[in-house]
Amino acid sequence: MIVRRTKEGQELRGIRRSEDGFSVLMTDASGKLVRIDKRNLSDQRTELTWLMSADHGQRLSAAEIQSLVAYLRAQNGLLGMAVFACLLRVPASC
């Protein structure tokens, strides 16, 4: 997760979608796509934060978890494996 602070003191948290020399496009915690002009940033950092809820074991049934794990394994891509590792709480993967 990236954290960007504007010169006005506003803190924005989310997932970086793209970045160029002039702006950053990110999805905030509510799912809204936000474009930030880099000239208006005072600070930026990356935090190791779990994006999956800590109580997913209580929110999902055993069958739902098995289905999710099967789906992620079938993806055969880095994204699927990264999400799978996060589900298993492997910190370096999130």
N, C-alpha and C. Protein backbone atom coordinates (compact mmCIF):
# COMPACT_ATOMS: atom_id res chain seq x y z
N MET A 1 0.85 -1.16 0.00
CA MET A 1 0.00 0.00 0.00
C MET A 1 0.91 1.23 0.00
N ILE A 2 0.51 2.23 -0.78
CA ILE A 2 1.28 3.47 -0.80
C ILE A 2 0.54 4.53 0.01
N VAL A 3 1.32 5.40 0.60
CA VAL A 3 0.78 6.52 1.36
C VAL A 3 1.38 7.78 0.76
N ARG A 4 0.53 8.69 0.33
CA ARG A 4 0.97 9.96 -0.25
C ARG A 4 0.41 11.09 0.60
N ARG A 5 1.27 12.05 0.94
CA ARG A 5 0.83 13.22 1.69
C ARG A 5 0.98 14.44 0.80
N THR A 6 -0.09 15.21 0.72
CA THR A 6 -0.06 16.42 -0.10
C THR A 6 0.58 17.56 0.69
N LYS A 7 0.95 18.61 -0.01
CA LYS A 7 1.52 19.78 0.66
C LYS A 7 0.53 20.43 1.60
N GLU A 8 -0.76 20.19 1.38
CA GLU A 8 -1.81 20.72 2.27
C GLU A 8 -2.01 19.85 3.51
N GLY A 9 -1.31 18.72 3.58
CA GLY A 9 -1.40 17.84 4.74
C GLY A 9 -2.36 16.68 4.60
N GLN A 10 -3.06 16.57 3.48
CA GLN A 10 -4.00 15.46 3.27
C GLN A 10 -3.22 14.18 3.03
N GLU A 11 -3.60 13.11 3.72
CA GLU A 11 -2.95 11.82 3.54
C GLU A 11 -3.85 10.91 2.72
N LEU A 12 -3.30 10.35 1.66
CA LEU A 12 -4.03 9.44 0.77
C LEU A 12 -3.37 8.07 0.83
N ARG A 13 -4.18 7.05 1.05
CA ARG A 13 -3.69 5.67 1.11
C ARG A 13 -4.37 4.86 0.04
N GLY A 14 -3.62 3.98 -0.59
CA GLY A 14 -4.22 3.12 -1.59
C GLY A 14 -3.20 2.28 -2.33
N ILE A 15 -3.62 1.79 -3.46
CA ILE A 15 -2.78 0.93 -4.30
C ILE A 15 -2.42 1.70 -5.56
N ARG A 16 -1.13 1.78 -5.85
CA ARG A 16 -0.69 2.49 -7.05
C ARG A 16 -1.06 1.70 -8.28
N ARG A 17 -1.71 2.36 -9.23
CA ARG A 17 -2.11 1.73 -10.49
C ARG A 17 -1.13 2.07 -11.60
N SER A 18 -0.71 3.33 -11.66
CA SER A 18 0.29 3.74 -12.65
C SER A 18 0.94 5.03 -12.16
N GLU A 19 2.07 5.32 -12.76
CA GLU A 19 2.81 6.52 -12.37
C GLU A 19 3.66 6.95 -13.55
N ASP A 20 3.73 8.26 -13.74
CA ASP A 20 4.63 8.82 -14.75
C ASP A 20 5.39 9.97 -14.10
N GLY A 21 6.06 10.76 -14.88
CA GLY A 21 6.85 11.85 -14.34
C GLY A 21 6.04 12.97 -13.73
N PHE A 22 4.75 13.01 -14.01
CA PHE A 22 3.92 14.13 -13.58
C PHE A 22 2.86 13.77 -12.54
N SER A 23 2.37 12.53 -12.57
CA SER A 23 1.25 12.19 -11.69
C SER A 23 1.30 10.72 -11.26
N VAL A 24 0.49 10.43 -10.25
CA VAL A 24 0.31 9.07 -9.74
C VAL A 24 -1.18 8.76 -9.81
N LEU A 25 -1.51 7.59 -10.34
CA LEU A 25 -2.89 7.13 -10.37
C LEU A 25 -2.99 5.99 -9.37
N MET A 26 -3.91 6.15 -8.42
CA MET A 26 -4.05 5.13 -7.38
C MET A 26 -5.53 4.88 -7.08
N THR A 27 -5.79 3.70 -6.51
CA THR A 27 -7.11 3.36 -6.03
C THR A 27 -7.09 3.52 -4.52
N ASP A 28 -7.99 4.36 -3.98
CA ASP A 28 -8.01 4.57 -2.53
C ASP A 28 -8.76 3.43 -1.84
N ALA A 29 -8.85 3.51 -0.51
CA ALA A 29 -9.45 2.44 0.28
C ALA A 29 -10.92 2.20 -0.06
N SER A 30 -11.61 3.21 -0.58
CA SER A 30 -13.02 3.03 -0.94
C SER A 30 -13.20 2.48 -2.35
N GLY A 31 -12.09 2.31 -3.09
CA GLY A 31 -12.16 1.81 -4.45
C GLY A 31 -12.18 2.90 -5.50
N LYS A 32 -12.15 4.15 -5.07
CA LYS A 32 -12.18 5.29 -5.99
C LYS A 32 -10.82 5.50 -6.63
N LEU A 33 -10.82 5.74 -7.95
CA LEU A 33 -9.59 6.02 -8.69
C LEU A 33 -9.22 7.48 -8.48
N VAL A 34 -7.98 7.73 -8.04
CA VAL A 34 -7.53 9.09 -7.71
C VAL A 34 -6.25 9.40 -8.48
N ARG A 35 -6.21 10.57 -9.14
CA ARG A 35 -4.99 11.02 -9.81
C ARG A 35 -4.40 12.17 -8.99
N ILE A 36 -3.12 12.06 -8.69
CA ILE A 36 -2.45 13.06 -7.86
C ILE A 36 -1.31 13.68 -8.67
N ASP A 37 -1.28 14.99 -8.71
CA ASP A 37 -0.20 15.72 -9.36
C ASP A 37 1.02 15.65 -8.44
N LYS A 38 2.15 15.17 -8.94
CA LYS A 38 3.35 15.00 -8.12
C LYS A 38 3.86 16.32 -7.55
N ARG A 39 3.57 17.42 -8.22
CA ARG A 39 4.02 18.72 -7.72
C ARG A 39 3.34 19.07 -6.40
N ASN A 40 2.20 18.45 -6.13
CA ASN A 40 1.46 18.73 -4.90
C ASN A 40 1.78 17.76 -3.76
N LEU A 41 2.75 16.88 -3.96
CA LEU A 41 3.11 15.90 -2.92
C LEU A 41 4.26 16.41 -2.07
N SER A 42 4.14 16.18 -0.76
CA SER A 42 5.25 16.52 0.14
C SER A 42 5.96 15.27 0.63
N ASP A 43 5.28 14.14 0.60
CA ASP A 43 5.86 12.90 1.12
C ASP A 43 5.17 11.71 0.46
N GLN A 44 5.92 10.64 0.28
CA GLN A 44 5.34 9.39 -0.21
C GLN A 44 6.14 8.23 0.34
N ARG A 45 5.43 7.18 0.70
CA ARG A 45 6.10 6.00 1.25
C ARG A 45 5.24 4.76 0.97
N THR A 46 5.85 3.61 1.13
CA THR A 46 5.16 2.34 0.97
C THR A 46 5.07 1.69 2.33
N GLU A 47 3.91 1.17 2.66
CA GLU A 47 3.71 0.47 3.92
C GLU A 47 3.35 -0.98 3.66
N LEU A 48 3.84 -1.85 4.51
CA LEU A 48 3.46 -3.26 4.44
C LEU A 48 2.19 -3.41 5.26
N THR A 49 1.07 -3.47 4.57
CA THR A 49 -0.24 -3.50 5.22
C THR A 49 -1.06 -4.63 4.62
N TRP A 50 -1.77 -5.34 5.47
CA TRP A 50 -2.64 -6.41 4.98
C TRP A 50 -3.87 -5.78 4.34
N LEU A 51 -4.15 -6.13 3.12
CA LEU A 51 -5.34 -5.64 2.46
C LEU A 51 -6.52 -6.57 2.69
N MET A 52 -6.23 -7.77 3.10
CA MET A 52 -7.30 -8.73 3.38
C MET A 52 -7.69 -8.58 4.85
N SER A 53 -8.95 -8.64 5.15
CA SER A 53 -9.39 -8.47 6.53
C SER A 53 -8.79 -9.55 7.42
N ALA A 54 -8.50 -9.17 8.65
CA ALA A 54 -7.89 -10.10 9.59
C ALA A 54 -8.86 -11.21 9.99
N ASP A 55 -10.15 -10.98 9.82
CA ASP A 55 -11.13 -11.97 10.26
C ASP A 55 -11.74 -12.75 9.10
N HIS A 56 -10.97 -12.91 8.00
CA HIS A 56 -11.54 -13.61 6.85
C HIS A 56 -11.92 -15.05 7.19
N GLY A 57 -11.27 -15.63 8.18
CA GLY A 57 -11.61 -16.99 8.59
C GLY A 57 -13.00 -17.08 9.22
N GLN A 58 -13.46 -15.98 9.81
CA GLN A 58 -14.79 -15.94 10.39
C GLN A 58 -15.84 -15.47 9.39
N ARG A 59 -15.42 -14.66 8.42
CA ARG A 59 -16.36 -14.11 7.44
C ARG A 59 -16.68 -15.10 6.32
N LEU A 60 -15.71 -15.96 6.00
CA LEU A 60 -15.89 -16.92 4.91
C LEU A 60 -16.06 -18.31 5.49
N SER A 61 -16.92 -19.08 4.87
CA SER A 61 -17.08 -20.47 5.30
C SER A 61 -15.88 -21.27 4.80
N ALA A 62 -15.72 -22.47 5.32
CA ALA A 62 -14.62 -23.34 4.88
C ALA A 62 -14.72 -23.60 3.38
N ALA A 63 -15.92 -23.80 2.88
CA ALA A 63 -16.12 -24.06 1.45
C ALA A 63 -15.74 -22.84 0.62
N GLU A 64 -16.07 -21.63 1.11
CA GLU A 64 -15.70 -20.41 0.38
C GLU A 64 -14.19 -20.21 0.34
N ILE A 65 -13.52 -20.51 1.44
CA ILE A 65 -12.05 -20.40 1.47
C ILE A 65 -11.44 -21.41 0.52
N GLN A 66 -11.93 -22.64 0.51
CA GLN A 66 -11.42 -23.66 -0.41
C GLN A 66 -11.63 -23.24 -1.86
N SER A 67 -12.77 -22.67 -2.14
CA SER A 67 -13.06 -22.20 -3.49
C SER A 67 -12.12 -21.07 -3.89
N LEU A 68 -11.89 -20.12 -2.98
CA LEU A 68 -10.98 -19.01 -3.24
C LEU A 68 -9.56 -19.50 -3.48
N VAL A 69 -9.08 -20.40 -2.65
CA VAL A 69 -7.73 -20.95 -2.81
C VAL A 69 -7.61 -21.70 -4.14
N ALA A 70 -8.60 -22.47 -4.50
CA ALA A 70 -8.57 -23.19 -5.78
C ALA A 70 -8.53 -22.20 -6.95
N TYR A 71 -9.31 -21.15 -6.87
CA TYR A 71 -9.31 -20.13 -7.92
C TYR A 71 -7.94 -19.47 -8.04
N LEU A 72 -7.36 -19.07 -6.91
CA LEU A 72 -6.05 -18.39 -6.95
C LEU A 72 -4.95 -19.32 -7.46
N ARG A 73 -4.99 -20.58 -7.08
CA ARG A 73 -4.00 -21.54 -7.58
C ARG A 73 -4.12 -21.71 -9.10
N ALA A 74 -5.33 -21.64 -9.61
CA ALA A 74 -5.57 -21.84 -11.05
C ALA A 74 -5.11 -20.64 -11.88
N GLN A 75 -4.86 -19.50 -11.24
CA GLN A 75 -4.49 -18.30 -11.98
C GLN A 75 -3.11 -18.40 -12.62
N ASN A 76 -2.22 -19.18 -12.03
CA ASN A 76 -0.87 -19.38 -12.57
C ASN A 76 -0.14 -18.08 -12.87
N GLY A 77 -0.45 -17.05 -12.14
CA GLY A 77 0.20 -15.76 -12.35
C GLY A 77 0.70 -15.20 -11.04
N LEU A 78 1.50 -14.17 -11.14
CA LEU A 78 2.06 -13.56 -9.95
C LEU A 78 0.98 -12.95 -9.07
N LEU A 79 -0.02 -12.33 -9.66
CA LEU A 79 -1.07 -11.72 -8.87
C LEU A 79 -1.82 -12.75 -8.05
N GLY A 80 -2.20 -13.84 -8.68
CA GLY A 80 -2.91 -14.89 -7.96
C GLY A 80 -2.08 -15.46 -6.83
N MET A 81 -0.81 -15.69 -7.07
CA MET A 81 0.06 -16.23 -6.04
C MET A 81 0.31 -15.22 -4.93
N ALA A 82 0.41 -13.94 -5.28
CA ALA A 82 0.62 -12.90 -4.26
C ALA A 82 -0.60 -12.81 -3.35
N VAL A 83 -1.79 -12.86 -3.94
CA VAL A 83 -3.01 -12.80 -3.13
C VAL A 83 -3.10 -14.05 -2.27
N PHE A 84 -2.76 -15.20 -2.82
CA PHE A 84 -2.76 -16.45 -2.08
C PHE A 84 -1.80 -16.35 -0.89
N ALA A 85 -0.60 -15.80 -1.12
CA ALA A 85 0.38 -15.65 -0.04
C ALA A 85 -0.15 -14.70 1.03
N CYS A 86 -0.84 -13.64 0.62
CA CYS A 86 -1.42 -12.72 1.60
C CYS A 86 -2.50 -13.41 2.42
N LEU A 87 -3.27 -14.25 1.77
CA LEU A 87 -4.30 -15.00 2.46
C LEU A 87 -3.68 -15.87 3.54
N LEU A 88 -2.50 -16.42 3.25
CA LEU A 88 -1.79 -17.26 4.19
C LEU A 88 -0.92 -16.46 5.15
N ARG A 89 -0.93 -15.11 4.97
CA ARG A 89 -0.20 -14.19 5.83
C ARG A 89 1.32 -14.32 5.69
N VAL A 90 1.80 -14.35 4.45
CA VAL A 90 3.24 -14.33 4.16
C VAL A 90 3.61 -12.87 3.93
N PRO A 91 4.22 -12.17 4.93
CA PRO A 91 4.41 -10.73 4.87
C PRO A 91 5.15 -10.21 3.65
N ALA A 92 6.17 -10.85 3.19
CA ALA A 92 6.96 -10.33 2.07
C ALA A 92 6.17 -10.28 0.78
N SER A 93 5.03 -10.92 0.72
CA SER A 93 4.26 -11.00 -0.51
C SER A 93 3.23 -9.91 -0.68
N CYS A 94 2.92 -9.16 0.36
CA CYS A 94 1.82 -8.21 0.31
C CYS A 94 2.30 -6.78 0.13
